[in-house]
Amino acid sequence: SAPLAGLPLSVSPFPLSPQAAMTKLAQWLCGLALLGSAWAALALAPPGLQPPAPLRQALLPLPVYLLVAFGCYSLATVGYRLATFNDCEEAAAELQEHIRAARADLRRRGLRL
């Protein structure tokens, strides 16, 4: 008998597809490896396959430019998220009430604050 014979067709023995199981870090590393290998193939080409000089001059510093652009994007994203961060006044009031209750309980048990 086949090992999957009793399973309905909609049930997969593998709960996640390979794409769903890939973490964000793995996605970034795969993308960087793909871009890095494409850059290396173009910028560090063998002598017989040299790209034209203007293209080569633009390709060599490209990783530095991309790193600076990524840093600017990251800084802008963090700044935007901080500027649009939602205040949770109800949660802050609830937390303050829990702190007051904890202090009162500790005082009742004889601890000085």
PDB file of N, CA and C in Angstrom:
ATOM      1  N   SER A   1       0.841  -1.179   0.000  1.00  0.00           N
ATOM      2  CA  SER A   1       0.000   0.000   0.000  1.00  0.00           C
ATOM      3  C   SER A   1       0.889   1.246   0.000  1.00  0.00           C
ATOM      4  N   ALA A   2       0.493   2.269  -0.714  1.00  0.00           N
ATOM      5  CA  ALA A   2       1.264   3.512  -0.786  1.00  0.00           C
ATOM      6  C   ALA A   2       1.169   4.248   0.544  1.00  0.00           C
ATOM      7  N   PRO A   3       2.235   4.938   0.983  1.00  0.00           N
ATOM      8  CA  PRO A   3       2.207   5.597   2.284  1.00  0.00           C
ATOM      9  C   PRO A   3       1.201   6.739   2.370  1.00  0.00           C
ATOM     10  N   LEU A   4       0.799   7.342   1.264  1.00  0.00           N
ATOM     11  CA  LEU A   4      -0.141   8.456   1.276  1.00  0.00           C
ATOM     12  C   LEU A   4      -1.519   8.050   0.770  1.00  0.00           C
ATOM     13  N   ALA A   5      -1.791   6.759   0.678  1.00  0.00           N
ATOM     14  CA  ALA A   5      -3.037   6.293   0.069  1.00  0.00           C
ATOM     15  C   ALA A   5      -4.270   6.715   0.860  1.00  0.00           C
ATOM     16  N   GLY A   6      -4.182   6.800   2.196  1.00  0.00           N
ATOM     17  CA  GLY A   6      -5.356   7.129   2.996  1.00  0.00           C
ATOM     18  C   GLY A   6      -5.625   8.612   3.129  1.00  0.00           C
ATOM     19  N   LEU A   7      -4.718   9.467   2.662  1.00  0.00           N
ATOM     20  CA  LEU A   7      -4.892  10.907   2.818  1.00  0.00           C
ATOM     21  C   LEU A   7      -5.781  11.472   1.722  1.00  0.00           C
ATOM     22  N   PRO A   8      -6.650  12.410   2.083  1.00  0.00           N
ATOM     23  CA  PRO A   8      -7.414  13.094   1.037  1.00  0.00           C
ATOM     24  C   PRO A   8      -6.476  13.925   0.164  1.00  0.00           C
ATOM     25  N   LEU A   9      -6.921  14.272  -1.014  1.00  0.00           N
ATOM     26  CA  LEU A   9      -6.076  15.002  -1.952  1.00  0.00           C
ATOM     27  C   LEU A   9      -5.720  16.396  -1.453  1.00  0.00           C
ATOM     28  N   SER A  10      -6.570  16.989  -0.612  1.00  0.00           N
ATOM     29  CA  SER A  10      -6.298  18.352  -0.156  1.00  0.00           C
ATOM     30  C   SER A  10      -5.272  18.398   0.970  1.00  0.00           C
ATOM     31  N   VAL A  11      -4.921  17.266   1.563  1.00  0.00           N
ATOM     32  CA  VAL A  11      -3.963  17.241   2.660  1.00  0.00           C
ATOM     33  C   VAL A  11      -2.590  16.916   2.102  1.00  0.00           C
ATOM     34  N   SER A  12      -1.649  17.799   2.382  1.00  0.00           N
ATOM     35  CA  SER A  12      -0.278  17.596   1.919  1.00  0.00           C
ATOM     36  C   SER A  12       0.546  17.014   3.056  1.00  0.00           C
ATOM     37  N   PRO A  13       1.413  16.059   2.768  1.00  0.00           N
ATOM     38  CA  PRO A  13       2.276  15.550   3.833  1.00  0.00           C
ATOM     39  C   PRO A  13       3.312  16.585   4.257  1.00  0.00           C
ATOM     40  N   PHE A  14       3.539  17.608   3.436  1.00  0.00           N
ATOM     41  CA  PHE A  14       4.459  18.679   3.760  1.00  0.00           C
ATOM     42  C   PHE A  14       3.637  19.927   4.059  1.00  0.00           C
ATOM     43  N   PRO A  15       3.631  20.402   5.314  1.00  0.00           N
ATOM     44  CA  PRO A  15       2.724  21.489   5.689  1.00  0.00           C
ATOM     45  C   PRO A  15       3.027  22.817   5.010  1.00  0.00           C
ATOM     46  N   LEU A  16       4.283  23.091   4.660  1.00  0.00           N
ATOM     47  CA  LEU A  16       4.631  24.367   4.043  1.00  0.00           C
ATOM     48  C   LEU A  16       5.326  24.134   2.713  1.00  0.00           C
ATOM     49  N   SER A  17       5.033  24.980   1.771  1.00  0.00           N
ATOM     50  CA  SER A  17       5.759  24.921   0.511  1.00  0.00           C
ATOM     51  C   SER A  17       7.166  25.461   0.748  1.00  0.00           C
ATOM     52  N   PRO A  18       8.118  25.170  -0.127  1.00  0.00           N
ATOM     53  CA  PRO A  18       9.474  25.695   0.070  1.00  0.00           C
ATOM     54  C   PRO A  18       9.513  27.220   0.117  1.00  0.00           C
ATOM     55  N   GLN A  19       8.646  27.893  -0.651  1.00  0.00           N
ATOM     56  CA  GLN A  19       8.628  29.349  -0.624  1.00  0.00           C
ATOM     57  C   GLN A  19       8.124  29.862   0.713  1.00  0.00           C
ATOM     58  N   ALA A  20       7.124  29.222   1.294  1.00  0.00           N
ATOM     59  CA  ALA A  20       6.575  29.668   2.561  1.00  0.00           C
ATOM     60  C   ALA A  20       7.529  29.365   3.703  1.00  0.00           C
ATOM     61  N   ALA A  21       8.333  28.336   3.579  1.00  0.00           N
ATOM     62  CA  ALA A  21       9.250  27.956   4.636  1.00  0.00           C
ATOM     63  C   ALA A  21      10.514  28.811   4.619  1.00  0.00           C
ATOM     64  N   MET A  22      10.769  29.521   3.549  1.00  0.00           N
ATOM     65  CA  MET A  22      11.978  30.341   3.459  1.00  0.00           C
ATOM     66  C   MET A  22      11.821  31.578   4.342  1.00  0.00           C
ATOM     67  N   THR A  23      12.782  31.792   5.221  1.00  0.00           N
ATOM     68  CA  THR A  23      12.714  32.949   6.094  1.00  0.00           C
ATOM     69  C   THR A  23      13.087  34.213   5.334  1.00  0.00           C
ATOM     70  N   LYS A  24      12.802  35.346   5.940  1.00  0.00           N
ATOM     71  CA  LYS A  24      13.131  36.616   5.312  1.00  0.00           C
ATOM     72  C   LYS A  24      14.636  36.754   5.133  1.00  0.00           C
ATOM     73  N   LEU A  25      15.413  36.269   6.107  1.00  0.00           N
ATOM     74  CA  LEU A  25      16.863  36.311   5.983  1.00  0.00           C
ATOM     75  C   LEU A  25      17.328  35.499   4.781  1.00  0.00           C
ATOM     76  N   ALA A  26      16.758  34.320   4.601  1.00  0.00           N
ATOM     77  CA  ALA A  26      17.143  33.478   3.466  1.00  0.00           C
ATOM     78  C   ALA A  26      16.771  34.152   2.144  1.00  0.00           C
ATOM     79  N   GLN A  27      15.637  34.826   2.116  1.00  0.00           N
ATOM     80  CA  GLN A  27      15.243  35.540   0.897  1.00  0.00           C
ATOM     81  C   GLN A  27      16.238  36.654   0.573  1.00  0.00           C
ATOM     82  N   TRP A  28      16.624  37.415   1.587  1.00  0.00           N
ATOM     83  CA  TRP A  28      17.583  38.499   1.374  1.00  0.00           C
ATOM     84  C   TRP A  28      18.936  37.938   0.940  1.00  0.00           C
ATOM     85  N   LEU A  29      19.376  36.863   1.583  1.00  0.00           N
ATOM     86  CA  LEU A  29      20.668  36.284   1.227  1.00  0.00           C
ATOM     87  C   LEU A  29      20.660  35.727  -0.198  1.00  0.00           C
ATOM     88  N   CYS A  30      19.560  35.109  -0.601  1.00  0.00           N
ATOM     89  CA  CYS A  30      19.453  34.608  -1.977  1.00  0.00           C
ATOM     90  C   CYS A  30      19.478  35.764  -2.977  1.00  0.00           C
ATOM     91  N   GLY A  31      18.758  36.826  -2.682  1.00  0.00           N
ATOM     92  CA  GLY A  31      18.757  37.998  -3.556  1.00  0.00           C
ATOM     93  C   GLY A  31      20.129  38.643  -3.649  1.00  0.00           C
ATOM     94  N   LEU A  32      20.810  38.763  -2.499  1.00  0.00           N
ATOM     95  CA  LEU A  32      22.154  39.340  -2.509  1.00  0.00           C
ATOM     96  C   LEU A  32      23.134  38.457  -3.270  1.00  0.00           C
ATOM     97  N   ALA A  33      23.006  37.142  -3.116  1.00  0.00           N
ATOM     98  CA  ALA A  33      23.885  36.232  -3.853  1.00  0.00           C
ATOM     99  C   ALA A  33      23.644  36.343  -5.352  1.00  0.00           C
ATOM    100  N   LEU A  34      22.392  36.446  -5.753  1.00  0.00           N
ATOM    101  CA  LEU A  34      22.069  36.586  -7.179  1.00  0.00           C
ATOM    102  C   LEU A  34      22.609  37.899  -7.740  1.00  0.00           C
ATOM    103  N   LEU A  35      22.364  39.000  -7.025  1.00  0.00           N
ATOM    104  CA  LEU A  35      22.871  40.295  -7.492  1.00  0.00           C
ATOM    105  C   LEU A  35      24.395  40.340  -7.462  1.00  0.00           C
ATOM    106  N   GLY A  36      24.991  39.767  -6.421  1.00  0.00           N
ATOM    107  CA  GLY A  36      26.448  39.758  -6.319  1.00  0.00           C
ATOM    108  C   GLY A  36      27.102  38.946  -7.414  1.00  0.00           C
ATOM    109  N   SER A  37      26.504  37.824  -7.743  1.00  0.00           N
ATOM    110  CA  SER A  37      27.089  37.016  -8.818  1.00  0.00           C
ATOM    111  C   SER A  37      26.915  37.696 -10.176  1.00  0.00           C
ATOM    112  N   ALA A  38      25.795  38.357 -10.396  1.00  0.00           N
ATOM    113  CA  ALA A  38      25.602  39.092 -11.655  1.00  0.00           C
ATOM    114  C   ALA A  38      26.601  40.244 -11.743  1.00  0.00           C
ATOM    115  N   TRP A  39      26.808  40.958 -10.625  1.00  0.00           N
ATOM    116  CA  TRP A  39      27.779  42.049 -10.612  1.00  0.00           C
ATOM    117  C   TRP A  39      29.190  41.526 -10.884  1.00  0.00           C
ATOM    118  N   ALA A  40      29.545  40.430 -10.208  1.00  0.00           N
ATOM    119  CA  ALA A  40      30.886  39.869 -10.383  1.00  0.00           C
ATOM    120  C   ALA A  40      31.097  39.401 -11.816  1.00  0.00           C
ATOM    121  N   ALA A  41      30.073  38.817 -12.422  1.00  0.00           N
ATOM    122  CA  ALA A  41      30.206  38.339 -13.798  1.00  0.00           C
ATOM    123  C   ALA A  41      30.411  39.500 -14.763  1.00  0.00           C
ATOM    124  N   LEU A  42      29.766  40.634 -14.501  1.00  0.00           N
ATOM    125  CA  LEU A  42      29.913  41.789 -15.396  1.00  0.00           C
ATOM    126  C   LEU A  42      31.165  42.612 -15.092  1.00  0.00           C
ATOM    127  N   ALA A  43      31.418  42.869 -13.813  1.00  0.00           N
ATOM    128  CA  ALA A  43      32.518  43.764 -13.441  1.00  0.00           C
ATOM    129  C   ALA A  43      33.879  43.075 -13.494  1.00  0.00           C
ATOM    130  N   LEU A  44      33.916  41.800 -13.166  1.00  0.00           N
ATOM    131  CA  LEU A  44      35.180  41.079 -13.114  1.00  0.00           C
ATOM    132  C   LEU A  44      35.285  40.074 -14.256  1.00  0.00           C
ATOM    133  N   ALA A  45      34.808  40.457 -15.412  1.00  0.00           N
ATOM    134  CA  ALA A  45      34.769  39.565 -16.575  1.00  0.00           C
ATOM    135  C   ALA A  45      36.173  39.168 -17.006  1.00  0.00           C
ATOM    136  N   PRO A  46      36.300  37.991 -17.613  1.00  0.00           N
ATOM    137  CA  PRO A  46      37.606  37.596 -18.157  1.00  0.00           C
ATOM    138  C   PRO A  46      38.062  38.594 -19.221  1.00  0.00           C
ATOM    139  N   PRO A  47      39.366  38.686 -19.472  1.00  0.00           N
ATOM    140  CA  PRO A  47      39.882  39.702 -20.406  1.00  0.00           C
ATOM    141  C   PRO A  47      39.229  39.683 -21.788  1.00  0.00           C
ATOM    142  N   GLY A  48      38.846  38.536 -22.297  1.00  0.00           N
ATOM    143  CA  GLY A  48      38.237  38.482 -23.621  1.00  0.00           C
ATOM    144  C   GLY A  48      36.809  38.999 -23.651  1.00  0.00           C
ATOM    145  N   LEU A  49      36.146  39.078 -22.484  1.00  0.00           N
ATOM    146  CA  LEU A  49      34.744  39.498 -22.430  1.00  0.00           C
ATOM    147  C   LEU A  49      34.572  40.807 -21.668  1.00  0.00           C
ATOM    148  N   GLN A  50      35.531  41.699 -21.751  1.00  0.00           N
ATOM    149  CA  GLN A  50      35.483  42.966 -21.032  1.00  0.00           C
ATOM    150  C   GLN A  50      34.354  43.847 -21.578  1.00  0.00           C
ATOM    151  N   PRO A  51      33.513  44.402 -20.686  1.00  0.00           N
ATOM    152  CA  PRO A  51      32.502  45.360 -21.150  1.00  0.00           C
ATOM    153  C   PRO A  51      33.188  46.677 -21.520  1.00  0.00           C
ATOM    154  N   PRO A  52      32.502  47.555 -22.211  1.00  0.00           N
ATOM    155  CA  PRO A  52      33.095  48.851 -22.567  1.00  0.00           C
ATOM    156  C   PRO A  52      33.527  49.618 -21.308  1.00  0.00           C
ATOM    157  N   ALA A  53      34.506  50.484 -21.457  1.00  0.00           N
ATOM    158  CA  ALA A  53      35.091  51.207 -20.323  1.00  0.00           C
ATOM    159  C   ALA A  53      34.054  52.010 -19.519  1.00  0.00           C
ATOM    160  N   PRO A  54      33.124  52.750 -20.161  1.00  0.00           N
ATOM    161  CA  PRO A  54      32.147  53.509 -19.351  1.00  0.00           C
ATOM    162  C   PRO A  54      31.255  52.590 -18.496  1.00  0.00           C
ATOM    163  N   LEU A  55      30.875  51.457 -19.054  1.00  0.00           N
ATOM    164  CA  LEU A  55      30.050  50.514 -18.293  1.00  0.00           C
ATOM    165  C   LEU A  55      30.853  49.924 -17.136  1.00  0.00           C
ATOM    166  N   ARG A  56      32.099  49.603 -17.392  1.00  0.00           N
ATOM    167  CA  ARG A  56      32.961  49.050 -16.339  1.00  0.00           C
ATOM    168  C   ARG A  56      33.176  50.073 -15.228  1.00  0.00           C
ATOM    169  N   GLN A  57      33.365  51.340 -15.577  1.00  0.00           N
ATOM    170  CA  GLN A  57      33.546  52.385 -14.575  1.00  0.00           C
ATOM    171  C   GLN A  57      32.288  52.585 -13.742  1.00  0.00           C
ATOM    172  N   ALA A  58      31.127  52.355 -14.315  1.00  0.00           N
ATOM    173  CA  ALA A  58      29.880  52.474 -13.560  1.00  0.00           C
ATOM    174  C   ALA A  58      29.629  51.235 -12.702  1.00  0.00           C
ATOM    175  N   LEU A  59      30.079  50.066 -13.168  1.00  0.00           N
ATOM    176  CA  LEU A  59      29.821  48.820 -12.451  1.00  0.00           C
ATOM    177  C   LEU A  59      30.697  48.636 -11.209  1.00  0.00           C
ATOM    178  N   LEU A  60      31.943  49.061 -11.270  1.00  0.00           N
ATOM    179  CA  LEU A  60      32.857  48.790 -10.168  1.00  0.00           C
ATOM    180  C   LEU A  60      32.400  49.397  -8.838  1.00  0.00           C
ATOM    181  N   PRO A  61      31.980  50.667  -8.781  1.00  0.00           N
ATOM    182  CA  PRO A  61      31.533  51.207  -7.483  1.00  0.00           C
ATOM    183  C   PRO A  61      30.055  50.942  -7.171  1.00  0.00           C
ATOM    184  N   LEU A  62      29.370  50.203  -8.014  1.00  0.00           N
ATOM    185  CA  LEU A  62      27.930  49.979  -7.822  1.00  0.00           C
ATOM    186  C   LEU A  62      27.578  49.391  -6.451  1.00  0.00           C
ATOM    187  N   PRO A  63      28.292  48.395  -5.913  1.00  0.00           N
ATOM    188  CA  PRO A  63      27.920  47.881  -4.588  1.00  0.00           C
ATOM    189  C   PRO A  63      27.974  48.950  -3.492  1.00  0.00           C
ATOM    190  N   VAL A  64      28.940  49.857  -3.583  1.00  0.00           N
ATOM    191  CA  VAL A  64      29.021  50.928  -2.580  1.00  0.00           C
ATOM    192  C   VAL A  64      27.811  51.849  -2.715  1.00  0.00           C
ATOM    193  N   TYR A  65      27.447  52.211  -3.935  1.00  0.00           N
ATOM    194  CA  TYR A  65      26.274  53.060  -4.152  1.00  0.00           C
ATOM    195  C   TYR A  65      25.003  52.387  -3.635  1.00  0.00           C
ATOM    196  N   LEU A  66      24.875  51.095  -3.898  1.00  0.00           N
ATOM    197  CA  LEU A  66      23.692  50.372  -3.421  1.00  0.00           C
ATOM    198  C   LEU A  66      23.656  50.292  -1.909  1.00  0.00           C
ATOM    199  N   LEU A  67      24.805  50.126  -1.278  1.00  0.00           N
ATOM    200  CA  LEU A  67      24.862  50.085   0.185  1.00  0.00           C
ATOM    201  C   LEU A  67      24.464  51.433   0.780  1.00  0.00           C
ATOM    202  N   VAL A  68      24.932  52.514   0.207  1.00  0.00           N
ATOM    203  CA  VAL A  68      24.555  53.852   0.677  1.00  0.00           C
ATOM    204  C   VAL A  68      23.059  54.086   0.461  1.00  0.00           C
ATOM    205  N   ALA A  69      22.536  53.680  -0.681  1.00  0.00           N
ATOM    206  CA  ALA A  69      21.103  53.842  -0.954  1.00  0.00           C
ATOM    207  C   ALA A  69      20.272  53.021   0.027  1.00  0.00           C
ATOM    208  N   PHE A  70      20.708  51.805   0.333  1.00  0.00           N
ATOM    209  CA  PHE A  70      19.990  50.967   1.300  1.00  0.00           C
ATOM    210  C   PHE A  70      20.022  51.606   2.686  1.00  0.00           C
ATOM    211  N   GLY A  71      21.156  52.179   3.064  1.00  0.00           N
ATOM    212  CA  GLY A  71      21.245  52.864   4.359  1.00  0.00           C
ATOM    213  C   GLY A  71      20.306  54.051   4.427  1.00  0.00           C
ATOM    214  N   CYS A  72      20.238  54.834   3.354  1.00  0.00           N
ATOM    215  CA  CYS A  72      19.313  55.983   3.317  1.00  0.00           C
ATOM    216  C   CYS A  72      17.867  55.519   3.406  1.00  0.00           C
ATOM    217  N   TYR A  73      17.537  54.461   2.671  1.00  0.00           N
ATOM    218  CA  TYR A  73      16.179  53.922   2.716  1.00  0.00           C
ATOM    219  C   TYR A  73      15.840  53.432   4.122  1.00  0.00           C
ATOM    220  N   SER A  74      16.778  52.734   4.750  1.00  0.00           N
ATOM    221  CA  SER A  74      16.529  52.221   6.096  1.00  0.00           C
ATOM    222  C   SER A  74      16.328  53.355   7.087  1.00  0.00           C
ATOM    223  N   LEU A  75      17.163  54.384   7.004  1.00  0.00           N
ATOM    224  CA  LEU A  75      17.037  55.531   7.892  1.00  0.00           C
ATOM    225  C   LEU A  75      15.707  56.245   7.674  1.00  0.00           C
ATOM    226  N   ALA A  76      15.312  56.410   6.428  1.00  0.00           N
ATOM    227  CA  ALA A  76      14.024  57.056   6.133  1.00  0.00           C
ATOM    228  C   ALA A  76      12.866  56.208   6.641  1.00  0.00           C
ATOM    229  N   THR A  77      12.953  54.896   6.508  1.00  0.00           N
ATOM    230  CA  THR A  77      11.882  54.022   6.980  1.00  0.00           C
ATOM    231  C   THR A  77      11.750  54.088   8.492  1.00  0.00           C
ATOM    232  N   VAL A  78      12.870  54.033   9.197  1.00  0.00           N
ATOM    233  CA  VAL A  78      12.827  54.124  10.662  1.00  0.00           C
ATOM    234  C   VAL A  78      12.269  55.479  11.086  1.00  0.00           C
ATOM    235  N   GLY A  79      12.714  56.547  10.434  1.00  0.00           N
ATOM    236  CA  GLY A  79      12.196  57.873  10.760  1.00  0.00           C
ATOM    237  C   GLY A  79      10.700  57.992  10.516  1.00  0.00           C
ATOM    238  N   TYR A  80      10.236  57.452   9.405  1.00  0.00           N
ATOM    239  CA  TYR A  80       8.796  57.502   9.098  1.00  0.00           C
ATOM    240  C   TYR A  80       8.000  56.707  10.123  1.00  0.00           C
ATOM    241  N   ARG A  81       8.493  55.507  10.474  1.00  0.00           N
ATOM    242  CA  ARG A  81       7.783  54.670  11.442  1.00  0.00           C
ATOM    243  C   ARG A  81       7.732  55.339  12.808  1.00  0.00           C
ATOM    244  N   LEU A  82       8.810  56.030  13.188  1.00  0.00           N
ATOM    245  CA  LEU A  82       8.802  56.747  14.464  1.00  0.00           C
ATOM    246  C   LEU A  82       7.831  57.925  14.430  1.00  0.00           C
ATOM    247  N   ALA A  83       7.785  58.612  13.295  1.00  0.00           N
ATOM    248  CA  ALA A  83       6.906  59.774  13.179  1.00  0.00           C
ATOM    249  C   ALA A  83       5.438  59.374  13.179  1.00  0.00           C
ATOM    250  N   THR A  84       5.117  58.210  12.677  1.00  0.00           N
ATOM    251  CA  THR A  84       3.712  57.784  12.578  1.00  0.00           C
ATOM    252  C   THR A  84       3.351  56.723  13.605  1.00  0.00           C
ATOM    253  N   PHE A  85       4.180  56.576  14.656  1.00  0.00           N
ATOM    254  CA  PHE A  85       3.921  55.571  15.677  1.00  0.00           C
ATOM    255  C   PHE A  85       2.651  55.933  16.431  1.00  0.00           C
ATOM    256  N   ASN A  86       1.757  54.980  16.589  1.00  0.00           N
ATOM    257  CA  ASN A  86       0.497  55.222  17.281  1.00  0.00           C
ATOM    258  C   ASN A  86       0.692  55.167  18.792  1.00  0.00           C
ATOM    259  N   ASP A  87       0.139  56.161  19.488  1.00  0.00           N
ATOM    260  CA  ASP A  87       0.139  56.126  20.942  1.00  0.00           C
ATOM    261  C   ASP A  87      -1.020  55.255  21.407  1.00  0.00           C
ATOM    262  N   CYS A  88      -0.760  54.441  22.396  1.00  0.00           N
ATOM    263  CA  CYS A  88      -1.798  53.569  22.956  1.00  0.00           C
ATOM    264  C   CYS A  88      -2.125  54.075  24.351  1.00  0.00           C
ATOM    265  N   GLU A  89      -2.968  55.106  24.415  1.00  0.00           N
ATOM    266  CA  GLU A  89      -3.264  55.726  25.702  1.00  0.00           C
ATOM    267  C   GLU A  89      -4.016  54.781  26.629  1.00  0.00           C
ATOM    268  N   GLU A  90      -4.883  53.943  26.076  1.00  0.00           N
ATOM    269  CA  GLU A  90      -5.614  52.989  26.926  1.00  0.00           C
ATOM    270  C   GLU A  90      -4.646  51.983  27.546  1.00  0.00           C
ATOM    271  N   ALA A  91      -3.701  51.493  26.739  1.00  0.00           N
ATOM    272  CA  ALA A  91      -2.731  50.529  27.253  1.00  0.00           C
ATOM    273  C   ALA A  91      -1.815  51.188  28.272  1.00  0.00           C
ATOM    274  N   ALA A  92      -1.441  52.462  28.057  1.00  0.00           N
ATOM    275  CA  ALA A  92      -0.598  53.166  29.022  1.00  0.00           C
ATOM    276  C   ALA A  92      -1.329  53.349  30.338  1.00  0.00           C
ATOM    277  N   ALA A  93      -2.612  53.712  30.281  1.00  0.00           N
ATOM    278  CA  ALA A  93      -3.401  53.877  31.513  1.00  0.00           C
ATOM    279  C   ALA A  93      -3.544  52.537  32.237  1.00  0.00           C
ATOM    280  N   GLU A  94      -3.769  51.460  31.493  1.00  0.00           N
ATOM    281  CA  GLU A  94      -3.886  50.138  32.100  1.00  0.00           C
ATOM    282  C   GLU A  94      -2.573  49.725  32.769  1.00  0.00           C
ATOM    283  N   LEU A  95      -1.464  50.010  32.111  1.00  0.00           N
ATOM    284  CA  LEU A  95      -0.157  49.683  32.681  1.00  0.00           C
ATOM    285  C   LEU A  95       0.098  50.489  33.952  1.00  0.00           C
ATOM    286  N   GLN A  96      -0.248  51.763  33.956  1.00  0.00           N
ATOM    287  CA  GLN A  96      -0.092  52.588  35.158  1.00  0.00           C
ATOM    288  C   GLN A  96      -0.944  52.041  36.306  1.00  0.00           C
ATOM    289  N   GLU A  97      -2.138  51.582  35.990  1.00  0.00           N
ATOM    290  CA  GLU A  97      -3.008  50.994  37.020  1.00  0.00           C
ATOM    291  C   GLU A  97      -2.394  49.710  37.578  1.00  0.00           C
ATOM    292  N   HIS A  98      -1.809  48.885  36.725  1.00  0.00           N
ATOM    293  CA  HIS A  98      -1.135  47.665  37.189  1.00  0.00           C
ATOM    294  C   HIS A  98       0.050  48.012  38.088  1.00  0.00           C
ATOM    295  N   ILE A  99       0.791  49.068  37.729  1.00  0.00           N
ATOM    296  CA  ILE A  99       1.932  49.485  38.547  1.00  0.00           C
ATOM    297  C   ILE A  99       1.459  49.966  39.911  1.00  0.00           C
ATOM    298  N   ARG A 100       0.382  50.757  39.940  1.00  0.00           N
ATOM    299  CA  ARG A 100      -0.156  51.222  41.223  1.00  0.00           C
ATOM    300  C   ARG A 100      -0.615  50.044  42.078  1.00  0.00           C
ATOM    301  N   ALA A 101      -1.289  49.077  41.450  1.00  0.00           N
ATOM    302  CA  ALA A 101      -1.760  47.904  42.189  1.00  0.00           C
ATOM    303  C   ALA A 101      -0.588  47.083  42.720  1.00  0.00           C
ATOM    304  N   ALA A 102       0.472  46.946  41.932  1.00  0.00           N
ATOM    305  CA  ALA A 102       1.643  46.190  42.376  1.00  0.00           C
ATOM    306  C   ALA A 102       2.340  46.898  43.526  1.00  0.00           C
ATOM    307  N   ARG A 103       2.455  48.219  43.459  1.00  0.00           N
ATOM    308  CA  ARG A 103       3.071  48.973  44.561  1.00  0.00           C
ATOM    309  C   ARG A 103       2.248  48.843  45.830  1.00  0.00           C
ATOM    310  N   ALA A 104       0.932  48.948  45.701  1.00  0.00           N
ATOM    311  CA  ALA A 104       0.072  48.812  46.883  1.00  0.00           C
ATOM    312  C   ALA A 104       0.206  47.415  47.482  1.00  0.00           C
ATOM    313  N   ASP A 105       0.286  46.406  46.640  1.00  0.00           N
ATOM    314  CA  ASP A 105       0.443  45.034  47.124  1.00  0.00           C
ATOM    315  C   ASP A 105       1.789  44.859  47.834  1.00  0.00           C
ATOM    316  N   LEU A 106       2.829  45.430  47.284  1.00  0.00           N
ATOM    317  CA  LEU A 106       4.147  45.337  47.907  1.00  0.00           C
ATOM    318  C   LEU A 106       4.197  46.082  49.239  1.00  0.00           C
ATOM    319  N   ARG A 107       3.553  47.256  49.301  1.00  0.00           N
ATOM    320  CA  ARG A 107       3.470  47.985  50.586  1.00  0.00           C
ATOM    321  C   ARG A 107       2.700  47.188  51.608  1.00  0.00           C
ATOM    322  N   ARG A 108       1.623  46.544  51.163  1.00  0.00           N
ATOM    323  CA  ARG A 108       0.821  45.720  52.080  1.00  0.00           C
ATOM    324  C   ARG A 108       1.636  44.562  52.630  1.00  0.00           C
ATOM    325  N   ARG A 109       2.574  44.062  51.838  1.00  0.00           N
ATOM    326  CA  ARG A 109       3.414  42.948  52.297  1.00  0.00           C
ATOM    327  C   ARG A 109       4.642  43.419  53.062  1.00  0.00           C
ATOM    328  N   GLY A 110       4.793  44.739  53.224  1.00  0.00           N
ATOM    329  CA  GLY A 110       5.862  45.259  54.064  1.00  0.00           C
ATOM    330  C   GLY A 110       7.086  45.724  53.330  1.00  0.00           C
ATOM    331  N   LEU A 111       7.065  45.787  52.021  1.00  0.00           N
ATOM    332  CA  LEU A 111       8.225  46.232  51.273  1.00  0.00           C
ATOM    333  C   LEU A 111       8.155  47.740  51.109  1.00  0.00           C
ATOM    334  N   ARG A 112       9.253  48.426  51.422  1.00  0.00           N
ATOM    335  CA  ARG A 112       9.318  49.872  51.273  1.00  0.00           C
ATOM    336  C   ARG A 112       9.845  50.227  49.894  1.00  0.00           C
ATOM    337  N   LEU A 113       9.179  51.119  49.201  1.00  0.00           N
ATOM    338  CA  LEU A 113       9.637  51.563  47.879  1.00  0.00           C
ATOM    339  C   LEU A 113      10.212  52.947  47.952  1.00  0.00           C
TER     340      LEU A 113
END
